[in-house]
PDB file of all heavy atoms in Angstrom:
ATOM      1  N   GLY A   1       5.016  -3.607   7.600  1.00  0.00           N
ATOM      2  CA  GLY A   1       6.203  -4.442   7.482  1.00  0.00           C
ATOM      3  C   GLY A   1       5.880  -5.906   7.276  1.00  0.00           C
ATOM      4  O   GLY A   1       6.725  -6.667   6.807  1.00  0.00           O
ATOM      5  N   VAL A   2       4.651  -6.331   7.597  1.00  0.00           N
ATOM      6  CA  VAL A   2       4.231  -7.695   7.274  1.00  0.00           C
ATOM      7  C   VAL A   2       3.982  -7.804   5.765  1.00  0.00           C
ATOM      8  O   VAL A   2       4.209  -8.849   5.162  1.00  0.00           O
ATOM      9  CB  VAL A   2       2.964  -8.084   8.066  1.00  0.00           C
ATOM     10  CG1 VAL A   2       2.404  -9.419   7.587  1.00  0.00           C
ATOM     11  CG2 VAL A   2       3.284  -8.157   9.556  1.00  0.00           C
ATOM     12  N   VAL A   3       3.552  -6.705   5.162  1.00  0.00           N
ATOM     13  CA  VAL A   3       3.295  -6.658   3.725  1.00  0.00           C
ATOM     14  C   VAL A   3       4.207  -5.613   3.089  1.00  0.00           C
ATOM     15  O   VAL A   3       4.386  -4.522   3.623  1.00  0.00           O
ATOM     16  CB  VAL A   3       1.818  -6.300   3.436  1.00  0.00           C
ATOM     17  CG1 VAL A   3       1.556  -6.334   1.940  1.00  0.00           C
ATOM     18  CG2 VAL A   3       0.880  -7.249   4.165  1.00  0.00           C
ATOM     19  N   GLU A   4       4.761  -5.959   1.956  1.00  0.00           N
ATOM     20  CA  GLU A   4       5.598  -5.018   1.209  1.00  0.00           C
ATOM     21  C   GLU A   4       4.693  -3.996   0.528  1.00  0.00           C
ATOM     22  O   GLU A   4       3.867  -4.343  -0.324  1.00  0.00           O
ATOM     23  CB  GLU A   4       6.434  -5.784   0.175  1.00  0.00           C
ATOM     24  CG  GLU A   4       7.421  -4.927  -0.581  1.00  0.00           C
ATOM     25  CD  GLU A   4       8.235  -5.725  -1.571  1.00  0.00           C
ATOM     26  OE1 GLU A   4       8.149  -6.976  -1.582  1.00  0.00           O
ATOM     27  OE2 GLU A   4       8.967  -5.088  -2.353  1.00  0.00           O
ATOM     28  N   GLU A   5       4.845  -2.743   0.889  1.00  0.00           N
ATOM     29  CA  GLU A   5       3.911  -1.733   0.406  1.00  0.00           C
ATOM     30  C   GLU A   5       3.982  -1.548  -1.103  1.00  0.00           C
ATOM     31  O   GLU A   5       2.960  -1.366  -1.767  1.00  0.00           O
ATOM     32  CB  GLU A   5       4.154  -0.411   1.141  1.00  0.00           C
ATOM     33  CG  GLU A   5       3.716  -0.479   2.603  1.00  0.00           C
ATOM     34  CD  GLU A   5       3.838   0.841   3.343  1.00  0.00           C
ATOM     35  OE1 GLU A   5       4.457   1.783   2.784  1.00  0.00           O
ATOM     36  OE2 GLU A   5       3.312   0.931   4.460  1.00  0.00           O
ATOM     37  N   ASN A   6       5.170  -1.581  -1.675  1.00  0.00           N
ATOM     38  CA  ASN A   6       5.277  -1.427  -3.124  1.00  0.00           C
ATOM     39  C   ASN A   6       4.618  -2.589  -3.863  1.00  0.00           C
ATOM     40  O   ASN A   6       4.162  -2.436  -5.000  1.00  0.00           O
ATOM     41  CB  ASN A   6       6.736  -1.283  -3.542  1.00  0.00           C
ATOM     42  CG  ASN A   6       7.297   0.083  -3.192  1.00  0.00           C
ATOM     43  OD1 ASN A   6       6.546   1.052  -3.062  1.00  0.00           O
ATOM     44  ND2 ASN A   6       8.602   0.174  -3.034  1.00  0.00           N
ATOM     45  N   ALA A   7       4.575  -3.758  -3.207  1.00  0.00           N
ATOM     46  CA  ALA A   7       3.870  -4.890  -3.812  1.00  0.00           C
ATOM     47  C   ALA A   7       2.372  -4.636  -3.856  1.00  0.00           C
ATOM     48  O   ALA A   7       1.692  -5.025  -4.808  1.00  0.00           O
ATOM     49  CB  ALA A   7       4.176  -6.170  -3.026  1.00  0.00           C
ATOM     50  N   MET A   8       1.844  -3.997  -2.819  1.00  0.00           N
ATOM     51  CA  MET A   8       0.418  -3.652  -2.834  1.00  0.00           C
ATOM     52  C   MET A   8       0.112  -2.671  -3.965  1.00  0.00           C
ATOM     53  O   MET A   8      -0.894  -2.801  -4.665  1.00  0.00           O
ATOM     54  CB  MET A   8       0.002  -3.062  -1.485  1.00  0.00           C
ATOM     55  CG  MET A   8      -0.186  -4.086  -0.395  1.00  0.00           C
ATOM     56  SD  MET A   8      -0.984  -3.415   1.088  1.00  0.00           S
ATOM     57  CE  MET A   8       0.404  -2.596   1.877  1.00  0.00           C
ATOM     58  N   ILE A   9       0.978  -1.692  -4.125  1.00  0.00           N
ATOM     59  CA  ILE A   9       0.793  -0.743  -5.226  1.00  0.00           C
ATOM     60  C   ILE A   9       0.823  -1.482  -6.550  1.00  0.00           C
ATOM     61  O   ILE A   9       0.006  -1.233  -7.448  1.00  0.00           O
ATOM     62  CB  ILE A   9       1.884   0.348  -5.178  1.00  0.00           C
ATOM     63  CG1 ILE A   9       1.735   1.181  -3.904  1.00  0.00           C
ATOM     64  CG2 ILE A   9       1.813   1.231  -6.415  1.00  0.00           C
ATOM     65  CD1 ILE A   9       2.888   2.130  -3.649  1.00  0.00           C
ATOM     66  N   GLY A  10       1.756  -2.439  -6.663  1.00  0.00           N
ATOM     67  CA  GLY A  10       1.892  -3.200  -7.903  1.00  0.00           C
ATOM     68  C   GLY A  10       0.655  -3.998  -8.252  1.00  0.00           C
ATOM     69  O   GLY A  10       0.187  -3.986  -9.409  1.00  0.00           O
ATOM     70  N   ILE A  11       0.057  -4.695  -7.268  1.00  0.00           N
ATOM     71  CA  ILE A  11      -1.108  -5.529  -7.583  1.00  0.00           C
ATOM     72  C   ILE A  11      -2.355  -4.683  -7.816  1.00  0.00           C
ATOM     73  O   ILE A  11      -3.258  -5.089  -8.545  1.00  0.00           O
ATOM     74  CB  ILE A  11      -1.367  -6.598  -6.502  1.00  0.00           C
ATOM     75  CG1 ILE A  11      -1.639  -5.969  -5.131  1.00  0.00           C
ATOM     76  CG2 ILE A  11      -0.211  -7.582  -6.439  1.00  0.00           C
ATOM     77  CD1 ILE A  11      -2.044  -6.983  -4.061  1.00  0.00           C
ATOM     78  N   ALA A  12      -2.404  -3.517  -7.209  1.00  0.00           N
ATOM     79  CA  ALA A  12      -3.525  -2.618  -7.486  1.00  0.00           C
ATOM     80  C   ALA A  12      -3.494  -2.187  -8.947  1.00  0.00           C
ATOM     81  O   ALA A  12      -4.547  -2.101  -9.610  1.00  0.00           O
ATOM     82  CB  ALA A  12      -3.476  -1.402  -6.575  1.00  0.00           C
ATOM     83  N   GLN A  13      -2.304  -1.958  -9.466  1.00  0.00           N
ATOM     84  CA  GLN A  13      -2.159  -1.488 -10.840  1.00  0.00           C
ATOM     85  C   GLN A  13      -2.270  -2.616 -11.856  1.00  0.00           C
ATOM     86  O   GLN A  13      -2.923  -2.475 -12.888  1.00  0.00           O
ATOM     87  CB  GLN A  13      -0.819  -0.758 -10.991  1.00  0.00           C
ATOM     88  CG  GLN A  13      -0.727   0.508 -10.156  1.00  0.00           C
ATOM     89  CD  GLN A  13       0.662   1.112 -10.130  1.00  0.00           C
ATOM     90  OE1 GLN A  13       1.657   0.434 -10.437  1.00  0.00           O
ATOM     91  NE2 GLN A  13       0.762   2.372  -9.750  1.00  0.00           N
ATOM     92  N   SER A  14      -1.648  -3.766 -11.558  1.00  0.00           N
ATOM     93  CA  SER A  14      -1.574  -4.841 -12.552  1.00  0.00           C
ATOM     94  C   SER A  14      -2.744  -5.815 -12.489  1.00  0.00           C
ATOM     95  O   SER A  14      -3.109  -6.424 -13.494  1.00  0.00           O
ATOM     96  CB  SER A  14      -0.270  -5.620 -12.382  1.00  0.00           C
ATOM     97  OG  SER A  14      -0.242  -6.284 -11.116  1.00  0.00           O
ATOM     98  N   HIS A  15      -3.340  -5.985 -11.287  1.00  0.00           N
ATOM     99  CA  HIS A  15      -4.400  -6.975 -11.116  1.00  0.00           C
ATOM    100  C   HIS A  15      -5.736  -6.365 -10.680  1.00  0.00           C
ATOM    101  O   HIS A  15      -6.668  -7.087 -10.349  1.00  0.00           O
ATOM    102  CB  HIS A  15      -3.980  -8.021 -10.065  1.00  0.00           C
ATOM    103  CG  HIS A  15      -2.928  -8.965 -10.516  1.00  0.00           C
ATOM    104  ND1 HIS A  15      -1.663  -8.552 -10.908  1.00  0.00           N
ATOM    105  CD2 HIS A  15      -2.932 -10.323 -10.650  1.00  0.00           C
ATOM    106  CE1 HIS A  15      -0.934  -9.609 -11.231  1.00  0.00           C
ATOM    107  NE2 HIS A  15      -1.688 -10.694 -11.093  1.00  0.00           N
ATOM    108  N   ASN A  16      -5.808  -5.047 -10.686  1.00  0.00           N
ATOM    109  CA  ASN A  16      -7.032  -4.351 -10.273  1.00  0.00           C
ATOM    110  C   ASN A  16      -7.505  -4.818  -8.900  1.00  0.00           C
ATOM    111  O   ASN A  16      -8.704  -5.019  -8.656  1.00  0.00           O
ATOM    112  CB  ASN A  16      -8.148  -4.554 -11.304  1.00  0.00           C
ATOM    113  CG  ASN A  16      -9.312  -3.596 -11.099  1.00  0.00           C
ATOM    114  OD1 ASN A  16      -9.117  -2.440 -10.704  1.00  0.00           O
ATOM    115  ND2 ASN A  16     -10.534  -4.058 -11.347  1.00  0.00           N
ATOM    116  N   VAL A  17      -6.549  -4.995  -7.991  1.00  0.00           N
ATOM    117  CA  VAL A  17      -6.877  -5.416  -6.630  1.00  0.00           C
ATOM    118  C   VAL A  17      -7.308  -4.194  -5.817  1.00  0.00           C
ATOM    119  O   VAL A  17      -6.650  -3.148  -5.845  1.00  0.00           O
ATOM    120  CB  VAL A  17      -5.672  -6.111  -5.967  1.00  0.00           C
ATOM    121  CG1 VAL A  17      -5.941  -6.366  -4.487  1.00  0.00           C
ATOM    122  CG2 VAL A  17      -5.362  -7.419  -6.678  1.00  0.00           C
ATOM    123  N   THR A  18      -8.397  -4.323  -5.092  1.00  0.00           N
ATOM    124  CA  THR A  18      -8.870  -3.272  -4.205  1.00  0.00           C
ATOM    125  C   THR A  18      -8.124  -3.385  -2.878  1.00  0.00           C
ATOM    126  O   THR A  18      -8.013  -4.474  -2.315  1.00  0.00           O
ATOM    127  CB  THR A  18     -10.382  -3.407  -3.972  1.00  0.00           C
ATOM    128  OG1 THR A  18     -11.058  -3.278  -5.227  1.00  0.00           O
ATOM    129  CG2 THR A  18     -10.882  -2.325  -3.020  1.00  0.00           C
ATOM    130  N   LEU A  19      -7.646  -2.262  -2.363  1.00  0.00           N
ATOM    131  CA  LEU A  19      -6.816  -2.252  -1.158  1.00  0.00           C
ATOM    132  C   LEU A  19      -7.531  -1.562  -0.006  1.00  0.00           C
ATOM    133  O   LEU A  19      -8.156  -0.515  -0.178  1.00  0.00           O
ATOM    134  CB  LEU A  19      -5.497  -1.526  -1.422  1.00  0.00           C
ATOM    135  CG  LEU A  19      -4.610  -2.066  -2.544  1.00  0.00           C
ATOM    136  CD1 LEU A  19      -3.414  -1.150  -2.732  1.00  0.00           C
ATOM    137  CD2 LEU A  19      -4.151  -3.492  -2.246  1.00  0.00           C
ATOM    138  N   VAL A  20      -7.384  -2.154   1.181  1.00  0.00           N
ATOM    139  CA  VAL A  20      -7.782  -1.532   2.439  1.00  0.00           C
ATOM    140  C   VAL A  20      -6.565  -1.603   3.349  1.00  0.00           C
ATOM    141  O   VAL A  20      -6.069  -2.695   3.644  1.00  0.00           O
ATOM    142  CB  VAL A  20      -8.978  -2.252   3.081  1.00  0.00           C
ATOM    143  CG1 VAL A  20      -9.244  -1.700   4.473  1.00  0.00           C
ATOM    144  CG2 VAL A  20     -10.220  -2.126   2.200  1.00  0.00           C
ATOM    145  N   VAL A  21      -6.069  -0.451   3.802  1.00  0.00           N
ATOM    146  CA  VAL A  21      -4.820  -0.426   4.575  1.00  0.00           C
ATOM    147  C   VAL A  21      -5.003   0.429   5.824  1.00  0.00           C
ATOM    148  O   VAL A  21      -5.410   1.594   5.745  1.00  0.00           O
ATOM    149  CB  VAL A  21      -3.653   0.125   3.735  1.00  0.00           C
ATOM    150  CG1 VAL A  21      -2.367   0.161   4.560  1.00  0.00           C
ATOM    151  CG2 VAL A  21      -3.444  -0.720   2.478  1.00  0.00           C
ATOM    152  N   ASP A  22      -4.680  -0.169   6.976  1.00  0.00           N
ATOM    153  CA  ASP A  22      -4.757   0.548   8.253  1.00  0.00           C
ATOM    154  C   ASP A  22      -3.388   0.715   8.910  1.00  0.00           C
ATOM    155  O   ASP A  22      -3.238   1.547   9.797  1.00  0.00           O
ATOM    156  CB  ASP A  22      -5.693  -0.196   9.217  1.00  0.00           C
ATOM    157  CG  ASP A  22      -5.837   0.489  10.562  1.00  0.00           C
ATOM    158  OD1 ASP A  22      -6.262   1.670  10.584  1.00  0.00           O
ATOM    159  OD2 ASP A  22      -5.518  -0.131  11.590  1.00  0.00           O
ATOM    160  N   VAL A  23      -2.403  -0.077   8.488  1.00  0.00           N
ATOM    161  CA  VAL A  23      -1.081  -0.043   9.119  1.00  0.00           C
ATOM    162  C   VAL A  23      -0.019   0.235   8.068  1.00  0.00           C
ATOM    163  O   VAL A  23      -0.143  -0.180   6.913  1.00  0.00           O
ATOM    164  CB  VAL A  23      -0.779  -1.366   9.861  1.00  0.00           C
ATOM    165  CG1 VAL A  23      -1.675  -1.503  11.083  1.00  0.00           C
ATOM    166  CG2 VAL A  23      -0.948  -2.572   8.940  1.00  0.00           C
ATOM    167  N   TRP A  24       1.058   0.923   8.495  1.00  0.00           N
ATOM    168  CA  TRP A  24       2.021   1.485   7.554  1.00  0.00           C
ATOM    169  C   TRP A  24       3.436   1.178   8.023  1.00  0.00           C
ATOM    170  O   TRP A  24       3.707   1.149   9.218  1.00  0.00           O
ATOM    171  CB  TRP A  24       1.783   2.993   7.426  1.00  0.00           C
ATOM    172  CG  TRP A  24       0.340   3.279   7.169  1.00  0.00           C
ATOM    173  CD1 TRP A  24      -0.657   3.395   8.097  1.00  0.00           C
ATOM    174  CD2 TRP A  24      -0.293   3.393   5.894  1.00  0.00           C
ATOM    175  NE1 TRP A  24      -1.870   3.599   7.475  1.00  0.00           N
ATOM    176  CE2 TRP A  24      -1.682   3.609   6.128  1.00  0.00           C
ATOM    177  CE3 TRP A  24       0.176   3.361   4.588  1.00  0.00           C
ATOM    178  CZ2 TRP A  24      -2.594   3.771   5.087  1.00  0.00           C
ATOM    179  CZ3 TRP A  24      -0.731   3.521   3.555  1.00  0.00           C
ATOM    180  CH2 TRP A  24      -2.101   3.730   3.804  1.00  0.00           C
ATOM    181  N   GLU A  25       4.320   0.981   7.072  1.00  0.00           N
ATOM    182  CA  GLU A  25       5.678   0.547   7.398  1.00  0.00           C
ATOM    183  C   GLU A  25       6.442   1.533   8.266  1.00  0.00           C
ATOM    184  O   GLU A  25       7.204   1.130   9.131  1.00  0.00           O
ATOM    185  CB  GLU A  25       6.478   0.302   6.105  1.00  0.00           C
ATOM    186  CG  GLU A  25       6.400  -1.119   5.624  1.00  0.00           C
ATOM    187  CD  GLU A  25       7.402  -1.395   4.525  1.00  0.00           C
ATOM    188  OE1 GLU A  25       8.616  -1.387   4.824  1.00  0.00           O
ATOM    189  OE2 GLU A  25       6.983  -1.624   3.380  1.00  0.00           O
ATOM    190  N   ASN A  26       6.289   2.806   8.024  1.00  0.00           N
ATOM    191  CA  ASN A  26       7.117   3.810   8.700  1.00  0.00           C
ATOM    192  C   ASN A  26       6.283   4.782   9.526  1.00  0.00           C
ATOM    193  O   ASN A  26       6.549   5.978   9.548  1.00  0.00           O
ATOM    194  CB  ASN A  26       7.959   4.584   7.663  1.00  0.00           C
ATOM    195  CG  ASN A  26       8.886   3.677   6.899  1.00  0.00           C
ATOM    196  OD1 ASN A  26       9.721   2.994   7.488  1.00  0.00           O
ATOM    197  ND2 ASN A  26       8.747   3.641   5.577  1.00  0.00           N
ATOM    198  N   GLU A  27       5.260   4.230  10.198  1.00  0.00           N
ATOM    199  CA  GLU A  27       4.416   5.107  11.018  1.00  0.00           C
ATOM    200  C   GLU A  27       5.274   5.924  11.985  1.00  0.00           C
ATOM    201  O   GLU A  27       6.227   5.406  12.561  1.00  0.00           O
ATOM    202  CB  GLU A  27       3.423   4.254  11.824  1.00  0.00           C
ATOM    203  CG  GLU A  27       2.397   3.519  10.976  1.00  0.00           C
ATOM    204  CD  GLU A  27       1.480   2.635  11.820  1.00  0.00           C
ATOM    205  OE1 GLU A  27       1.465   2.778  13.060  1.00  0.00           O
ATOM    206  OE2 GLU A  27       0.782   1.804  11.243  1.00  0.00           O
ATOM    207  N   PRO A  28       4.921   7.215  12.130  1.00  0.00           N
ATOM    208  CA  PRO A  28       3.737   7.918  11.632  1.00  0.00           C
ATOM    209  C   PRO A  28       3.873   8.492  10.224  1.00  0.00           C
ATOM    210  O   PRO A  28       2.967   9.173   9.764  1.00  0.00           O
ATOM    211  CB  PRO A  28       3.562   9.033  12.660  1.00  0.00           C
ATOM    212  CG  PRO A  28       4.957   9.360  13.081  1.00  0.00           C
ATOM    213  CD  PRO A  28       5.685   8.039  13.093  1.00  0.00           C
ATOM    214  N   GLN A  29       5.012   8.262   9.557  1.00  0.00           N
ATOM    215  CA  GLN A  29       5.092   8.615   8.147  1.00  0.00           C
ATOM    216  C   GLN A  29       4.366   7.546   7.339  1.00  0.00           C
ATOM    217  O   GLN A  29       4.336   6.386   7.734  1.00  0.00           O
ATOM    218  CB  GLN A  29       6.556   8.720   7.695  1.00  0.00           C
ATOM    219  CG  GLN A  29       7.333   9.864   8.340  1.00  0.00           C
ATOM    220  CD  GLN A  29       6.841  11.242   7.902  1.00  0.00           C
ATOM    221  OE1 GLN A  29       6.028  11.373   6.986  1.00  0.00           O
ATOM    222  NE2 GLN A  29       7.315  12.285   8.579  1.00  0.00           N
ATOM    223  N   VAL A  30       3.774   7.933   6.236  1.00  0.00           N
ATOM    224  CA  VAL A  30       3.024   6.986   5.417  1.00  0.00           C
ATOM    225  C   VAL A  30       3.470   7.090   3.965  1.00  0.00           C
ATOM    226  O   VAL A  30       4.074   8.083   3.551  1.00  0.00           O
ATOM    227  CB  VAL A  30       1.503   7.222   5.519  1.00  0.00           C
ATOM    228  CG1 VAL A  30       1.012   7.038   6.942  1.00  0.00           C
ATOM    229  CG2 VAL A  30       1.121   8.611   4.994  1.00  0.00           C
ATOM    230  N   ASN A  31       3.157   6.069   3.214  1.00  0.00           N
ATOM    231  CA  ASN A  31       3.514   5.983   1.807  1.00  0.00           C
ATOM    232  C   ASN A  31       2.444   6.695   0.982  1.00  0.00           C
ATOM    233  O   ASN A  31       1.352   6.166   0.781  1.00  0.00           O
ATOM    234  CB  ASN A  31       3.622   4.508   1.410  1.00  0.00           C
ATOM    235  CG  ASN A  31       4.136   4.321   0.000  1.00  0.00           C
ATOM    236  OD1 ASN A  31       3.991   5.188  -0.853  1.00  0.00           O
ATOM    237  ND2 ASN A  31       4.726   3.155  -0.253  1.00  0.00           N
ATOM    238  N   CYS A  32       2.755   7.874   0.502  1.00  0.00           N
ATOM    239  CA  CYS A  32       1.761   8.678  -0.203  1.00  0.00           C
ATOM    240  C   CYS A  32       1.547   8.238  -1.650  1.00  0.00           C
ATOM    241  O   CYS A  32       0.740   8.837  -2.367  1.00  0.00           O
ATOM    242  CB  CYS A  32       2.125  10.158  -0.127  1.00  0.00           C
ATOM    243  SG  CYS A  32       1.617  10.902   1.439  1.00  0.00           S
ATOM    244  N   SER A  33       2.246   7.195  -2.071  1.00  0.00           N
ATOM    245  CA  SER A  33       1.889   6.542  -3.335  1.00  0.00           C
ATOM    246  C   SER A  33       0.808   5.502  -3.102  1.00  0.00           C
ATOM    247  O   SER A  33       0.060   5.153  -4.017  1.00  0.00           O
ATOM    248  CB  SER A  33       3.125   5.870  -3.951  1.00  0.00           C
ATOM    249  OG  SER A  33       4.106   6.819  -4.290  1.00  0.00           O
ATOM    250  N   LEU A  34       0.726   5.014  -1.864  1.00  0.00           N
ATOM    251  CA  LEU A  34      -0.243   3.972  -1.526  1.00  0.00           C
ATOM    252  C   LEU A  34      -1.561   4.548  -1.024  1.00  0.00           C
ATOM    253  O   LEU A  34      -2.632   4.053  -1.384  1.00  0.00           O
ATOM    254  CB  LEU A  34       0.378   3.049  -0.461  1.00  0.00           C
ATOM    255  CG  LEU A  34      -0.484   1.921   0.090  1.00  0.00           C
ATOM    256  CD1 LEU A  34      -0.971   0.998  -1.024  1.00  0.00           C
ATOM    257  CD2 LEU A  34       0.301   1.125   1.138  1.00  0.00           C
ATOM    258  N   VAL A  35      -1.503   5.578  -0.214  1.00  0.00           N
ATOM    259  CA  VAL A  35      -2.715   6.109   0.428  1.00  0.00           C
ATOM    260  C   VAL A  35      -3.838   6.413  -0.558  1.00  0.00           C
ATOM    261  O   VAL A  35      -4.972   5.957  -0.378  1.00  0.00           O
ATOM    262  CB  VAL A  35      -2.385   7.363   1.277  1.00  0.00           C
ATOM    263  CG1 VAL A  35      -3.664   8.023   1.773  1.00  0.00           C
ATOM    264  CG2 VAL A  35      -1.484   7.007   2.440  1.00  0.00           C
ATOM    265  N   PRO A  36      -3.578   7.175  -1.637  1.00  0.00           N
ATOM    266  CA  PRO A  36      -4.699   7.609  -2.489  1.00  0.00           C
ATOM    267  C   PRO A  36      -5.376   6.485  -3.257  1.00  0.00           C
ATOM    268  O   PRO A  36      -6.536   6.639  -3.664  1.00  0.00           O
ATOM    269  CB  PRO A  36      -4.031   8.594  -3.463  1.00  0.00           C
ATOM    270  CG  PRO A  36      -2.700   8.918  -2.878  1.00  0.00           C
ATOM    271  CD  PRO A  36      -2.292   7.726  -2.088  1.00  0.00           C
ATOM    272  N   ILE A  37      -4.691   5.356  -3.464  1.00  0.00           N
ATOM    273  CA  ILE A  37      -5.278   4.293  -4.286  1.00  0.00           C
ATOM    274  C   ILE A  37      -6.058   3.275  -3.451  1.00  0.00           C
ATOM    275  O   ILE A  37      -6.607   2.316  -3.991  1.00  0.00           O
ATOM    276  CB  ILE A  37      -4.205   3.578  -5.125  1.00  0.00           C
ATOM    277  CG1 ILE A  37      -3.206   2.839  -4.227  1.00  0.00           C
ATOM    278  CG2 ILE A  37      -3.501   4.558  -6.041  1.00  0.00           C
ATOM    279  CD1 ILE A  37      -2.218   1.977  -5.014  1.00  0.00           C
TER     280      ILE A  37
END
């Protein structure tokens, strides 16, 4: 919730940003568009 998860997905795709993520907006549910990248 400190970081917008869809924004992380966006910069990974558009700016080739490498992501490391340990915390998730809707824990214990996670964003399965974000996890694999």
